[in-house]
Amino acid sequence: MSSIGVLGAGTWGMALARMLCNSGHEVMVWSAIESEIDGMEQTHAHPNLKGMVIPEGIRFTKQLPEVCQDKDILLFAVPSVFVRSTAAKADPYIREGQIIVDVAKGIEPDSLLTMSQVIASALTKPVKVVALSGPTHAEEVARDLPTTIVSACEDLAVAEYVQDVFMNTCMRVYTNTDVMGVEICGALKNIIALASGISYGLGNGDNAKAALITRGMAEISRLCRKIGCQERTVFGLAGIGDVIVTATSMHSRNNRCGMLIGQGVKAAEAIRQVGMVVEGINAIPAALELAEKYQVEIPLIAAVDAVVNHDADPAATVQKLMARDKRNELDYSFYEVPAQ
């Protein structure tokens, strides 16, 4: 049995907290939003996970030191934009060699660091960070539906330890040492899900959705290849697996946000209506910076940026994508942006 501190009480953090508690682990949950703690302590329910009962065994705290100290694992389950600030606040209470499991998916703008790198850079002591990523909707994990995920760490023994802690009859966990590949896929797949939602909101069908997923994977693949990630990661659970579930499911906040935008709703209002953090929109600036840095062509992601951030007409943007120069699907020479 392991002792686990969960930082963040959103849907994913609480779905995992419940699962870990039901597997026999000691679980304590902290949130920066004190009203979240009060509400869940009183109701044993989460407002965005209908039907999920929070086990009596889960302890809640409003004190950051309490959730961090004397824990085998710290689970970072805050949105990507709050990972650095949360790590900095927790730093005084985190011990050297602490195992930290990050489930946020994103790339920090400007620094272009992945979330595991952000955590490591924000802490003053060396720690062991694991990226836990894959096709995992919280709504289904909260119902004990079969799910698979990847535990990624350059130290395979640490990845295997986390694998053992999180694996049970409903959650099958694989290990991977290609941490960068797992995290880049986890961040960029949300943008592809936005594209899929926009297309659906425009009234396009399954053919367009399949095309967006496939060509989106091509963009993720060529960027990962230039960065030095393993192609097997891209076509594994953290890559194609996560793209499929995020770009097709109504559980996906990125997909839902995209649908609203495709129907003519402005991005800010679409985010408000979704009611939760839309990580795909947060990931766009870093994706564009990475593409420029590594000289990789990403027309689909650039088109999502045009619609979301520059008020481009969604239907007209689709037509521009359809009218791009003819290409050979097997010709990889066009993947690099020509030198200026």
Protein backbone atom coordinates (compact mmCIF):
# COMPACT_ATOMS: atom_id res chain seq x y z
CA MET A 1 0.00 0.00 0.00
CA SER A 2 1.33 3.45 -0.97
CA SER A 3 0.64 6.88 0.49
CA ILE A 4 -0.40 9.32 -2.23
CA GLY A 5 -0.95 13.07 -2.14
CA VAL A 6 -3.12 14.48 -4.93
CA LEU A 7 -2.61 18.13 -5.83
CA GLY A 8 -5.73 19.25 -7.68
CA ALA A 9 -9.37 18.24 -7.25
CA GLY A 10 -10.61 18.47 -10.82
CA THR A 11 -12.27 15.60 -12.64
CA TRP A 12 -9.08 13.72 -13.51
CA GLY A 13 -7.47 14.18 -10.12
CA MET A 14 -10.58 12.98 -8.30
CA ALA A 15 -11.23 10.06 -10.65
CA LEU A 16 -7.69 8.84 -10.00
CA ALA A 17 -7.96 9.56 -6.26
CA ARG A 18 -11.08 7.42 -6.08
CA MET A 19 -9.49 4.61 -8.09
CA LEU A 20 -6.33 4.60 -5.96
CA CYS A 21 -8.31 4.65 -2.72
CA ASN A 22 -10.45 1.74 -3.90
CA SER A 23 -7.22 -0.13 -4.71
CA GLY A 24 -6.22 0.12 -1.05
CA HIS A 25 -3.86 3.08 -1.10
CA GLU A 26 -3.87 5.96 1.38
CA VAL A 27 -5.03 9.05 -0.52
CA MET A 28 -5.11 12.70 0.51
CA VAL A 29 -6.44 15.43 -1.83
CA TRP A 30 -5.58 19.14 -1.80
CA SER A 31 -7.05 21.95 -3.86
CA ALA A 32 -6.11 25.62 -4.12
CA ILE A 33 -9.85 26.28 -4.32
CA GLU A 34 -11.03 25.77 -0.75
CA SER A 35 -14.72 25.68 -1.74
CA GLU A 36 -14.00 22.51 -3.76
CA ILE A 37 -12.71 20.79 -0.64
CA ASP A 38 -15.69 21.94 1.43
CA GLY A 39 -18.18 20.75 -1.18
CA MET A 40 -16.68 17.29 -1.65
CA GLU A 41 -16.22 16.70 2.07
CA GLN A 42 -19.90 17.46 2.61
CA THR A 43 -21.42 15.66 -0.38
CA HIS A 44 -18.86 12.91 -1.20
CA ALA A 45 -19.51 13.84 -4.82
CA HIS A 46 -17.80 15.84 -7.55
CA PRO A 47 -19.87 18.45 -9.44
CA ASN A 48 -18.51 17.37 -12.84
CA LEU A 49 -18.48 13.61 -12.29
CA LYS A 50 -22.15 12.75 -12.01
CA GLY A 51 -22.82 9.51 -10.18
CA MET A 52 -19.31 9.06 -8.79
CA VAL A 53 -19.24 8.48 -5.03
CA ILE A 54 -16.08 9.68 -3.30
CA PRO A 55 -14.91 6.95 -0.91
CA GLU A 56 -14.94 7.64 2.81
CA GLY A 57 -11.26 6.70 2.91
CA ILE A 58 -10.12 9.74 0.95
CA ARG A 59 -8.88 12.53 3.21
CA PHE A 60 -9.06 16.17 2.15
CA THR A 61 -6.87 19.08 3.18
CA LYS A 62 -6.57 22.79 2.50
CA GLN A 63 -2.95 22.77 3.66
CA LEU A 64 -0.30 22.28 0.98
CA PRO A 65 2.38 21.05 3.44
CA GLU A 66 0.06 18.29 4.67
CA VAL A 67 -0.62 16.84 1.22
CA CYS A 68 3.09 16.85 0.29
CA GLN A 69 4.86 15.54 3.36
CA ASP A 70 5.57 11.85 3.98
CA LYS A 71 3.98 10.66 0.73
CA ASP A 72 5.31 7.88 -1.49
CA ILE A 73 3.86 9.61 -4.56
CA LEU A 74 2.72 13.16 -5.25
CA LEU A 75 0.15 13.29 -8.05
CA PHE A 76 0.11 16.64 -9.85
CA ALA A 77 -3.41 16.98 -11.28
CA VAL A 78 -3.68 20.74 -11.77
CA PRO A 79 -4.20 22.36 -15.21
CA SER A 80 -1.01 22.84 -17.19
CA VAL A 81 -1.03 26.63 -16.73
CA PHE A 82 -0.81 26.14 -12.94
CA VAL A 83 1.83 23.39 -12.85
CA ARG A 84 4.82 25.74 -12.40
CA SER A 85 3.19 27.89 -9.72
CA THR A 86 1.93 24.84 -7.83
CA ALA A 87 5.36 23.19 -7.93
CA ALA A 88 7.00 26.40 -6.69
CA LYS A 89 4.56 26.67 -3.77
CA ALA A 90 5.03 22.99 -2.89
CA ASP A 91 8.83 23.11 -3.19
CA PRO A 92 9.59 23.70 0.52
CA TYR A 93 7.63 20.57 1.46
CA ILE A 94 8.94 18.19 -1.22
CA ARG A 95 11.85 15.95 -0.30
CA GLU A 96 14.83 15.04 -2.46
CA GLY A 97 14.12 11.96 -4.58
CA GLN A 98 10.33 12.37 -4.26
CA ILE A 99 8.34 10.52 -6.93
CA ILE A 100 6.02 12.96 -8.66
CA VAL A 101 3.41 11.76 -11.14
CA ASP A 102 2.16 14.44 -13.51
CA VAL A 103 -1.13 14.02 -15.36
CA ALA A 104 -1.38 17.53 -16.84
CA LYS A 105 -0.85 17.68 -20.60
CA GLY A 106 0.74 20.75 -22.09
CA ILE A 107 3.85 22.62 -23.19
CA GLU A 108 4.88 25.83 -21.45
CA PRO A 109 4.95 28.79 -23.87
CA ASP A 110 8.29 30.59 -24.30
CA SER A 111 10.33 27.97 -22.43
CA LEU A 112 8.82 25.13 -24.53
CA LEU A 113 9.23 22.81 -21.55
CA THR A 114 6.95 19.83 -21.08
CA MET A 115 5.11 19.50 -17.79
CA SER A 116 7.63 17.08 -16.26
CA GLN A 117 10.40 19.51 -17.21
CA VAL A 118 8.44 22.42 -15.73
CA ILE A 119 8.09 20.57 -12.42
CA ALA A 120 11.79 19.67 -12.32
CA SER A 121 12.83 23.24 -13.14
CA ALA A 122 10.50 24.76 -10.53
CA LEU A 123 11.84 22.61 -7.68
CA THR A 124 15.10 23.18 -5.82
CA LYS A 125 15.71 19.50 -5.10
CA PRO A 126 16.20 16.61 -7.55
CA VAL A 127 13.03 14.52 -7.89
CA LYS A 128 11.79 11.65 -10.04
CA VAL A 129 9.00 12.77 -12.35
CA VAL A 130 6.70 10.37 -14.19
CA ALA A 131 4.37 11.45 -16.98
CA LEU A 132 1.13 9.48 -16.82
CA SER A 133 -0.71 9.86 -20.11
CA GLY A 134 -3.03 8.08 -22.53
CA PRO A 135 -6.64 7.70 -23.69
CA THR A 136 -8.25 8.25 -20.31
CA HIS A 137 -11.48 10.16 -19.87
CA ALA A 138 -12.09 10.83 -16.18
CA GLU A 139 -15.80 10.15 -16.63
CA GLU A 140 -15.06 6.53 -17.56
CA VAL A 141 -12.32 5.92 -15.00
CA ALA A 142 -14.79 7.16 -12.38
CA ARG A 143 -17.13 4.35 -13.46
CA ASP A 144 -14.43 1.63 -13.44
CA LEU A 145 -14.65 1.15 -17.22
CA PRO A 146 -11.60 -0.56 -18.82
CA THR A 147 -8.82 1.97 -19.46
CA THR A 148 -5.16 1.88 -20.54
CA ILE A 149 -2.45 4.43 -19.77
CA VAL A 150 1.32 4.92 -20.05
CA SER A 151 3.74 5.49 -17.16
CA ALA A 152 6.69 7.34 -18.70
CA CYS A 153 10.02 7.96 -17.00
CA GLU A 154 13.63 7.76 -18.16
CA ASP A 155 14.26 5.66 -15.05
CA LEU A 156 12.44 2.47 -15.96
CA ALA A 157 12.40 1.23 -12.36
CA VAL A 158 10.46 4.33 -11.31
CA ALA A 159 8.05 3.92 -14.24
CA GLU A 160 7.50 0.32 -13.17
CA TYR A 161 6.86 1.34 -9.55
CA VAL A 162 4.16 3.76 -10.69
CA GLN A 163 2.83 1.06 -13.01
CA ASP A 164 2.38 -1.25 -10.02
CA VAL A 165 0.63 1.42 -7.93
CA PHE A 166 -1.85 2.49 -10.61
CA MET A 167 -2.58 -0.86 -12.24
CA ASN A 168 -5.72 -2.74 -11.24
CA THR A 169 -8.59 -4.71 -12.79
CA CYS A 170 -9.90 -1.60 -14.59
CA MET A 171 -6.66 0.28 -15.33
CA ARG A 172 -3.95 -1.41 -17.40
CA VAL A 173 -0.66 0.51 -17.25
CA TYR A 174 2.21 0.26 -19.74
CA THR A 175 5.71 1.72 -19.23
CA ASN A 176 7.72 3.88 -21.62
CA THR A 177 11.10 5.64 -21.29
CA ASP A 178 10.38 8.12 -24.14
CA VAL A 179 9.07 10.81 -21.81
CA MET A 180 9.37 13.62 -24.34
CA GLY A 181 7.38 11.68 -26.93
CA VAL A 182 4.63 10.86 -24.44
CA GLU A 183 4.32 14.48 -23.33
CA ILE A 184 4.49 16.09 -26.78
CA CYS A 185 1.75 13.74 -27.99
CA GLY A 186 -0.34 14.48 -24.91
CA ALA A 187 -0.19 18.21 -25.53
CA LEU A 188 -0.69 18.30 -29.30
CA LYS A 189 -3.54 15.78 -29.44
CA ASN A 190 -5.77 18.35 -27.75
CA ILE A 191 -5.32 20.70 -30.70
CA ILE A 192 -6.33 17.94 -33.11
CA ALA A 193 -9.42 17.36 -30.96
CA LEU A 194 -10.29 21.04 -31.33
CA ALA A 195 -10.01 20.65 -35.10
CA SER A 196 -12.25 17.59 -35.04
CA GLY A 197 -14.85 19.44 -32.99
CA ILE A 198 -14.77 22.49 -35.27
CA SER A 199 -15.31 20.23 -38.28
CA TYR A 200 -18.26 18.51 -36.63
CA GLY A 201 -19.72 21.86 -35.61
CA LEU A 202 -19.59 22.90 -39.27
CA GLY A 203 -21.70 19.88 -40.17
CA ASN A 204 -18.92 17.75 -41.67
CA GLY A 205 -19.09 14.00 -41.28
CA ASP A 206 -17.05 10.97 -40.32
CA ASN A 207 -14.88 11.19 -43.44
CA ALA A 208 -13.61 14.60 -42.38
CA LYS A 209 -13.08 13.42 -38.81
CA ALA A 210 -11.00 10.46 -39.99
CA ALA A 211 -8.98 12.75 -42.25
CA LEU A 212 -8.32 15.22 -39.44
CA ILE A 213 -7.18 12.49 -37.07
CA THR A 214 -4.90 10.94 -39.70
CA ARG A 215 -3.38 14.17 -40.94
CA GLY A 216 -3.15 15.46 -37.39
CA MET A 217 -1.13 12.38 -36.48
CA ALA A 218 1.13 13.12 -39.46
CA GLU A 219 1.86 16.57 -38.02
CA ILE A 220 2.50 15.20 -34.52
CA SER A 221 4.68 12.43 -35.98
CA ARG A 222 6.94 14.66 -38.02
CA LEU A 223 7.38 17.14 -35.17
CA CYS A 224 8.18 14.34 -32.72
CA ARG A 225 10.63 12.85 -35.21
CA LYS A 226 12.51 16.16 -35.53
CA ILE A 227 12.60 16.59 -31.74
CA GLY A 228 14.04 13.08 -31.39
CA CYS A 229 11.10 11.15 -29.96
CA GLN A 230 10.40 7.53 -30.81
CA GLU A 231 7.88 6.83 -33.55
CA ARG A 232 6.53 3.87 -31.59
CA THR A 233 5.39 6.32 -28.91
CA VAL A 234 3.50 8.39 -31.49
CA PHE A 235 1.59 5.32 -32.64
CA GLY A 236 1.03 3.98 -29.14
CA LEU A 237 -1.46 4.78 -26.39
CA ALA A 238 -0.08 8.24 -25.59
CA GLY A 239 -0.17 9.18 -29.28
CA ILE A 240 -2.76 7.73 -31.63
CA GLY A 241 -4.70 6.23 -28.71
CA ASP A 242 -5.16 9.58 -27.01
CA VAL A 243 -5.88 11.40 -30.28
CA ILE A 244 -8.68 8.95 -31.14
CA VAL A 245 -10.45 9.25 -27.80
CA THR A 246 -10.05 13.02 -27.50
CA ALA A 247 -11.09 13.78 -31.07
CA THR A 248 -14.17 11.55 -31.08
CA SER A 249 -15.74 11.59 -27.63
CA MET A 250 -18.32 13.96 -26.18
CA HIS A 251 -16.46 13.57 -22.87
CA SER A 252 -13.65 15.60 -24.47
CA ARG A 253 -13.79 19.27 -23.46
CA ASN A 254 -11.51 20.08 -26.43
CA ASN A 255 -13.86 18.35 -28.84
CA ARG A 256 -16.90 20.07 -27.30
CA CYS A 257 -15.21 23.47 -27.39
CA GLY A 258 -14.33 22.95 -31.05
CA MET A 259 -17.93 22.01 -31.87
CA LEU A 260 -19.16 25.29 -30.39
CA ILE A 261 -16.57 27.26 -32.35
CA GLY A 262 -17.59 25.46 -35.54
CA GLN A 263 -21.17 26.49 -34.85
CA GLY A 264 -20.12 30.13 -34.71
CA VAL A 265 -19.46 30.66 -31.01
CA LYS A 266 -16.38 32.76 -30.23
CA ALA A 267 -13.53 30.92 -28.52
CA ALA A 268 -13.82 32.77 -25.19
CA GLU A 269 -17.55 32.06 -24.98
CA ALA A 270 -17.02 28.44 -26.03
CA ILE A 271 -14.55 27.97 -23.18
CA ARG A 272 -17.06 29.53 -20.76
CA GLN A 273 -19.79 27.16 -21.93
CA VAL A 274 -17.54 24.10 -21.56
CA GLY A 275 -16.91 25.21 -18.00
CA MET A 276 -13.48 23.60 -17.63
CA VAL A 277 -9.94 24.26 -18.84
CA VAL A 278 -9.56 23.63 -22.59
CA GLU A 279 -5.94 22.54 -22.79
CA GLY A 280 -5.85 22.48 -26.60
CA ILE A 281 -6.21 26.26 -26.76
CA ASN A 282 -3.43 26.69 -24.19
CA ALA A 283 -1.15 24.40 -26.24
CA ILE A 284 -1.42 26.26 -29.56
CA PRO A 285 1.27 28.94 -28.97
CA ALA A 286 3.89 26.38 -27.89
CA ALA A 287 3.02 24.09 -30.82
CA LEU A 288 3.61 26.93 -33.27
CA GLU A 289 6.89 27.85 -31.57
CA LEU A 290 8.11 24.24 -31.70
CA ALA A 291 7.19 23.97 -35.37
CA GLU A 292 9.17 27.12 -36.12
CA LYS A 293 12.12 26.02 -33.99
CA TYR A 294 12.37 22.61 -35.69
CA GLN A 295 11.27 23.83 -39.14
CA VAL A 296 8.27 21.50 -39.40
CA GLU A 297 5.12 22.15 -41.39
CA ILE A 298 1.88 21.91 -39.34
CA PRO A 299 -0.93 23.28 -41.55
CA LEU A 300 -3.75 21.73 -39.55
CA ILE A 301 -2.56 23.11 -36.21
CA ALA A 302 -1.90 26.47 -37.86
CA ALA A 303 -5.47 26.45 -39.20
CA VAL A 304 -6.85 25.85 -35.69
CA ASP A 305 -4.77 28.80 -34.49
CA ALA A 306 -6.20 30.98 -37.27
CA VAL A 307 -9.77 30.13 -36.25
CA VAL A 308 -9.33 30.23 -32.47
CA ASN A 309 -6.95 33.15 -32.07
CA HIS A 310 -7.37 35.25 -35.21
CA ASP A 311 -11.12 35.04 -35.94
CA ALA A 312 -10.66 33.22 -39.25
CA ASP A 313 -13.91 31.86 -40.68
CA PRO A 314 -14.00 28.09 -39.91
CA ALA A 315 -15.68 27.08 -43.19
CA ALA A 316 -13.31 29.20 -45.28
CA THR A 317 -10.35 27.77 -43.35
CA VAL A 318 -11.46 24.22 -44.19
CA GLN A 319 -11.62 25.18 -47.87
CA LYS A 320 -8.07 26.55 -47.69
CA LEU A 321 -6.87 23.26 -46.24
CA MET A 322 -8.66 21.30 -48.96
CA ALA A 323 -7.11 23.52 -51.66
CA ARG A 324 -3.48 23.10 -50.54
CA ASP A 325 -0.93 21.94 -53.12
CA LYS A 326 -1.12 18.29 -54.12
CA ARG A 327 1.15 15.93 -52.21
CA ASN A 328 2.29 12.31 -52.20
CA GLU A 329 1.33 10.71 -48.89
CA LEU A 330 4.62 8.76 -48.85
CA ASP A 331 6.77 11.80 -49.62
CA TYR A 332 8.34 12.94 -46.37
CA SER A 333 10.43 15.64 -48.04
CA PHE A 334 7.67 18.23 -47.63
CA TYR A 335 7.59 17.84 -43.85
CA GLU A 336 10.26 20.49 -43.36
CA VAL A 337 9.55 24.17 -43.90
CA PRO A 338 11.75 25.49 -46.74
CA ALA A 339 14.57 27.77 -45.65
CA GLN A 340 13.69 31.43 -45.90
